[in-house]
Amino acid sequence: MSDSNLHLDAWQRLMSSECDALRAKATEIDAGDVAAVTRLRGKWDVELVHAALQLQKARNKLQPKFPDRWQTLLADPTGAEMATGLRVGMHKARRFASKLPGANVVDLCCGIGGDAMCLRDAGINVVAVDSDATRAWMAENNAKCESHACDVLASEVPAGAFHIDPARRTSAGSAGSSAAKRVFDLELLSPPVSVIASVIRKRRDGAVKLQPGIDIAELAQHDVMGEIEVISDEGRLVQAVVWCGALSNGDTMRTATLVRRDG
């Protein structure tokens, strides 16, 4: 079972007042301390204890990404690792705000809501969408926005521009596993590039978040066209963004951006 696929009701119980003490204890112990974990399991359900420890581990991972709010965010460790950080997220959100003022944006494959939070901070109306119900709920709470747990092409997903962050890891055929390895074959993304192309055709204006080493020629073969921006956060390559439709400054443009801590 991957971290995010813990039962949603367990995560919701964890965040209720009945588990205030458990969450506090989870911040004080080492998850590798078997005796300490056993003591927690003597007072609370095993699944709740596991979720509490996962939450604290995830928040620790989010501290450098969201230094002003990491202690309040809801996340599992894998979701925290995959989430866009504040600096890069705000860089992208500002383009949405400037080129599509007043637009609605659906954050597809939203994960725990890293990009959704930044879009909201930029004053954009956002709907978070993820096939994992727990992650959709996390994004809803983190970004204070509407969410849907469904496929990216589902009828209940509202109209609007898009941001999509397909999973770029796989392990034994399961996307998002904590033991996952990165993949570079576009058809092994989740959702695959063929579905991403369908999203672009349907919505036109949006951004596709991909790994920085993406093969541009392969993108073109799958009709994924747009301005490609490679983003470096403090000198570390973190993602390539395909800007589509009104968000593109020119579909033949290839740009590189360095995002710094001082803005």
Protein backbone atom coordinates (compact mmCIF):
# COMPACT_ATOMS: atom_id res chain seq x y z
CA MET A 1 0.00 0.00 0.00
CA SER A 2 1.52 3.38 -0.97
CA ASP A 3 1.48 6.12 1.66
CA SER A 4 -1.22 8.17 -0.09
CA ASN A 5 -3.54 5.19 -0.42
CA LEU A 6 -4.11 4.88 3.30
CA HIS A 7 -7.83 5.11 3.89
CA LEU A 8 -9.07 8.67 3.64
CA ASP A 9 -11.14 8.23 6.78
CA ALA A 10 -7.97 7.39 8.74
CA TRP A 11 -6.32 10.63 7.60
CA GLN A 12 -9.46 12.59 8.41
CA ARG A 13 -9.62 11.02 11.88
CA LEU A 14 -5.94 11.84 12.37
CA MET A 15 -6.67 15.53 11.79
CA SER A 16 -9.64 15.58 14.18
CA SER A 17 -9.44 16.75 17.79
CA GLU A 18 -9.48 13.15 19.03
CA CYS A 19 -5.95 12.73 17.65
CA ASP A 20 -4.42 16.02 18.80
CA ALA A 21 -2.26 14.19 21.33
CA LEU A 22 -1.15 11.58 18.79
CA ARG A 23 -0.05 14.23 16.29
CA ALA A 24 1.87 16.02 19.03
CA LYS A 25 3.60 12.81 20.12
CA ALA A 26 4.55 12.02 16.51
CA THR A 27 6.58 15.24 16.38
CA GLU A 28 8.59 14.19 19.40
CA ILE A 29 9.72 10.67 18.53
CA ASP A 30 12.03 9.04 16.02
CA ALA A 31 9.95 6.86 13.69
CA GLY A 32 12.77 4.31 13.84
CA ASP A 33 12.49 4.00 17.62
CA VAL A 34 10.60 0.72 17.86
CA ALA A 35 9.83 1.07 21.56
CA ALA A 36 8.40 4.56 21.15
CA VAL A 37 6.26 3.54 18.20
CA THR A 38 5.03 0.48 20.10
CA ARG A 39 3.93 2.72 22.96
CA LEU A 40 1.92 4.85 20.55
CA ARG A 41 0.30 1.73 19.11
CA GLY A 42 -0.76 0.78 22.61
CA LYS A 43 -2.94 3.89 22.76
CA TRP A 44 -4.06 4.42 19.15
CA ASP A 45 -4.95 2.31 16.11
CA VAL A 46 -1.98 1.06 14.09
CA GLU A 47 -3.22 2.83 10.95
CA LEU A 48 -3.58 6.13 12.80
CA VAL A 49 -0.08 5.85 14.25
CA HIS A 50 1.34 5.07 10.81
CA ALA A 51 -0.43 8.07 9.30
CA ALA A 52 0.78 10.36 12.09
CA LEU A 53 4.39 9.31 11.57
CA GLN A 54 4.04 9.66 7.82
CA LEU A 55 2.54 13.13 8.25
CA GLN A 56 5.46 14.31 10.36
CA LYS A 57 8.00 12.83 7.93
CA ALA A 58 6.22 14.57 5.04
CA ARG A 59 6.13 17.91 6.85
CA ASN A 60 9.87 17.69 7.48
CA LYS A 61 10.37 17.22 3.72
CA LEU A 62 8.13 20.22 3.03
CA GLN A 63 9.97 22.59 5.36
CA PRO A 64 12.46 23.84 2.72
CA LYS A 65 9.72 24.00 0.07
CA PHE A 66 7.17 25.93 2.13
CA PRO A 67 9.11 27.43 5.05
CA ASP A 68 6.22 29.56 6.30
CA ARG A 69 3.51 26.89 6.38
CA TRP A 70 5.06 23.44 6.42
CA GLN A 71 3.88 22.71 9.96
CA THR A 72 0.22 22.97 8.94
CA LEU A 73 0.29 21.15 5.60
CA LEU A 74 -1.29 17.74 5.01
CA ALA A 75 0.90 15.32 3.08
CA ASP A 76 2.36 11.86 2.82
CA PRO A 77 6.15 11.58 2.23
CA THR A 78 5.93 10.66 -1.45
CA GLY A 79 3.46 13.48 -2.08
CA ALA A 80 5.81 15.89 -0.31
CA GLU A 81 8.73 14.79 -2.48
CA MET A 82 6.76 15.28 -5.70
CA ALA A 83 5.23 18.63 -4.75
CA THR A 84 6.38 21.83 -6.44
CA GLY A 85 8.00 24.19 -3.94
CA LEU A 86 6.96 27.78 -3.25
CA ARG A 87 9.60 29.57 -5.33
CA VAL A 88 9.02 27.59 -8.52
CA GLY A 89 5.28 27.39 -7.95
CA MET A 90 4.95 31.15 -7.60
CA HIS A 91 7.08 31.69 -10.70
CA LYS A 92 4.57 29.64 -12.69
CA ALA A 93 1.52 31.07 -10.93
CA ARG A 94 2.55 34.61 -11.83
CA ARG A 95 2.44 33.71 -15.53
CA PHE A 96 -1.09 32.32 -15.14
CA ALA A 97 -2.14 35.51 -13.34
CA SER A 98 -0.61 37.86 -15.90
CA LYS A 99 -1.65 36.07 -19.09
CA LEU A 100 -5.04 34.74 -17.96
CA PRO A 101 -6.37 37.31 -15.48
CA GLY A 102 -9.63 36.18 -13.91
CA ALA A 103 -9.40 32.67 -15.41
CA ASN A 104 -10.36 29.47 -13.62
CA VAL A 105 -7.56 26.88 -13.45
CA VAL A 106 -7.87 23.14 -12.84
CA ASP A 107 -4.76 21.64 -11.22
CA LEU A 108 -4.77 18.12 -12.67
CA CYS A 109 -2.81 15.37 -10.89
CA CYS A 110 -2.60 17.92 -8.09
CA GLY A 111 -0.95 15.66 -5.53
CA ILE A 112 -0.88 17.38 -2.15
CA GLY A 113 -1.47 20.75 -3.84
CA GLY A 114 1.94 22.44 -4.13
CA ASP A 115 1.03 24.20 -7.37
CA ALA A 116 -2.58 24.73 -6.29
CA MET A 117 -1.39 26.61 -3.20
CA CYS A 118 0.78 28.90 -5.33
CA LEU A 119 -1.99 29.54 -7.83
CA ARG A 120 -4.31 30.46 -4.96
CA ASP A 121 -1.64 32.73 -3.49
CA ALA A 122 -1.51 34.49 -6.87
CA GLY A 123 -5.25 35.22 -6.61
CA ILE A 124 -6.39 32.52 -9.04
CA ASN A 125 -9.54 30.44 -8.61
CA VAL A 126 -8.34 26.82 -8.53
CA VAL A 127 -9.97 23.40 -8.56
CA ALA A 128 -7.67 20.55 -7.52
CA VAL A 129 -8.09 17.15 -9.24
CA ASP A 130 -6.41 13.86 -8.43
CA SER A 131 -7.35 10.21 -8.92
CA ASP A 132 -6.18 9.52 -5.36
CA ALA A 133 -8.98 10.62 -3.01
CA THR A 134 -6.61 11.17 -0.10
CA ARG A 135 -4.32 13.43 -2.10
CA ALA A 136 -7.27 15.38 -3.52
CA TRP A 137 -8.48 15.95 0.06
CA MET A 138 -4.99 17.03 1.13
CA ALA A 139 -4.82 19.53 -1.75
CA GLU A 140 -8.27 20.88 -0.89
CA ASN A 141 -7.17 21.56 2.67
CA ASN A 142 -3.70 22.86 1.81
CA ALA A 143 -4.85 25.21 -0.95
CA LYS A 144 -8.27 26.03 0.53
CA CYS A 145 -9.96 25.20 -2.76
CA GLU A 146 -12.53 22.86 -4.28
CA SER A 147 -11.29 19.36 -5.15
CA HIS A 148 -12.42 16.32 -7.13
CA ALA A 149 -11.16 12.75 -6.80
CA CYS A 150 -11.42 11.54 -10.39
CA ASP A 151 -9.67 11.01 -13.72
CA VAL A 152 -8.32 14.10 -15.49
CA LEU A 153 -10.78 13.67 -18.37
CA ALA A 154 -13.81 12.97 -16.15
CA SER A 155 -16.99 14.90 -16.87
CA GLU A 156 -17.12 16.39 -13.36
CA VAL A 157 -13.86 18.31 -13.88
CA PRO A 158 -14.94 21.92 -14.49
CA ALA A 159 -13.93 24.01 -17.49
CA GLY A 160 -10.88 26.25 -17.36
CA ALA A 161 -7.20 26.52 -18.10
CA PHE A 162 -5.04 23.71 -16.75
CA HIS A 163 -1.89 22.78 -14.93
CA ILE A 164 -1.01 19.08 -15.07
CA ASP A 165 1.71 17.23 -13.21
CA PRO A 166 1.81 13.61 -14.41
CA ALA A 167 3.53 11.12 -12.11
CA ARG A 168 7.08 10.53 -13.23
CA ARG A 169 7.88 7.52 -11.08
CA THR A 170 6.96 3.87 -11.29
CA SER A 171 7.67 0.71 -9.35
CA ALA A 172 6.24 -2.69 -10.21
CA GLY A 173 3.67 -0.89 -12.33
CA SER A 174 2.50 1.38 -9.52
CA ALA A 175 2.84 5.15 -9.90
CA GLY A 176 3.71 7.16 -6.81
CA SER A 177 5.32 4.35 -4.81
CA SER A 178 7.86 5.42 -2.22
CA ALA A 179 10.23 2.82 -3.70
CA ALA A 180 9.67 4.18 -7.18
CA LYS A 181 12.21 4.99 -9.86
CA ARG A 182 12.00 7.94 -12.22
CA VAL A 183 10.89 7.17 -15.77
CA PHE A 184 11.63 9.04 -18.97
CA ASP A 185 9.40 7.17 -21.43
CA LEU A 186 6.51 9.57 -21.99
CA GLU A 187 4.03 6.69 -22.37
CA LEU A 188 4.98 5.48 -18.89
CA LEU A 189 3.85 8.71 -17.31
CA SER A 190 0.62 8.59 -15.32
CA PRO A 191 -1.47 9.70 -17.11
CA PRO A 192 0.41 8.85 -20.33
CA VAL A 193 1.37 11.46 -22.89
CA SER A 194 -1.59 10.49 -25.10
CA VAL A 195 -3.98 11.60 -22.35
CA ILE A 196 -1.96 14.76 -21.74
CA ALA A 197 -2.31 15.59 -25.45
CA SER A 198 -6.08 15.13 -25.10
CA VAL A 199 -6.13 17.57 -22.18
CA ILE A 200 -4.25 20.14 -24.27
CA ARG A 201 -6.64 19.75 -27.19
CA LYS A 202 -9.66 20.06 -24.90
CA ARG A 203 -8.49 23.00 -22.77
CA ARG A 204 -5.84 24.67 -24.94
CA ASP A 205 -4.44 27.10 -22.34
CA GLY A 206 -2.24 25.54 -19.69
CA ALA A 207 1.04 24.14 -18.45
CA VAL A 208 2.48 20.64 -18.38
CA LYS A 209 5.05 19.96 -15.66
CA LEU A 210 7.70 17.44 -16.77
CA GLN A 211 11.19 16.33 -15.77
CA PRO A 212 13.96 18.74 -16.86
CA GLY A 213 15.66 16.16 -19.10
CA ILE A 214 12.64 15.76 -21.37
CA ASP A 215 13.17 14.83 -25.02
CA ILE A 216 11.68 17.76 -26.96
CA ALA A 217 11.55 15.78 -30.20
CA GLU A 218 9.54 13.04 -28.48
CA LEU A 219 7.06 15.62 -27.19
CA ALA A 220 6.48 16.86 -30.73
CA GLN A 221 5.88 13.30 -31.92
CA HIS A 222 2.97 13.12 -29.47
CA ASP A 223 1.54 16.52 -30.48
CA VAL A 224 2.53 18.15 -27.22
CA MET A 225 3.55 21.57 -28.51
CA GLY A 226 4.36 24.81 -26.75
CA GLU A 227 7.04 26.99 -25.27
CA ILE A 228 9.39 24.86 -23.18
CA GLU A 229 10.88 26.45 -20.07
CA VAL A 230 13.48 24.60 -18.00
CA ILE A 231 13.47 25.83 -14.42
CA SER A 232 16.36 25.73 -11.97
CA ASP A 233 15.77 26.35 -8.27
CA GLU A 234 18.91 27.75 -6.64
CA GLY A 235 21.03 26.08 -9.34
CA ARG A 236 19.28 22.70 -9.22
CA LEU A 237 17.25 21.68 -12.27
CA VAL A 238 13.79 20.79 -11.00
CA GLN A 239 11.32 20.76 -13.88
CA ALA A 240 10.55 21.56 -17.49
CA VAL A 241 7.25 23.28 -18.23
CA VAL A 242 5.44 23.11 -21.55
CA TRP A 243 3.42 26.33 -21.81
CA CYS A 244 0.44 25.93 -24.12
CA GLY A 245 -2.06 28.25 -25.81
CA ALA A 246 -2.32 31.74 -24.38
CA LEU A 247 0.33 30.95 -21.77
CA SER A 248 2.99 30.35 -24.42
CA ASN A 249 5.28 33.16 -25.56
CA GLY A 250 5.83 31.24 -28.78
CA ASP A 251 5.69 27.51 -29.42
CA THR A 252 9.24 27.44 -30.84
CA MET A 253 10.70 29.20 -27.81
CA ARG A 254 13.08 27.33 -25.51
CA THR A 255 13.92 29.21 -22.33
CA ALA A 256 15.81 28.60 -19.10
CA THR A 257 14.95 30.27 -15.80
CA LEU A 258 16.90 30.44 -12.55
CA VAL A 259 14.66 30.93 -9.52
CA ARG A 260 16.46 32.29 -6.46
CA ARG A 261 15.60 32.38 -2.77
CA ASP A 262 15.58 36.18 -2.77
CA GLY A 263 12.94 36.25 -5.55
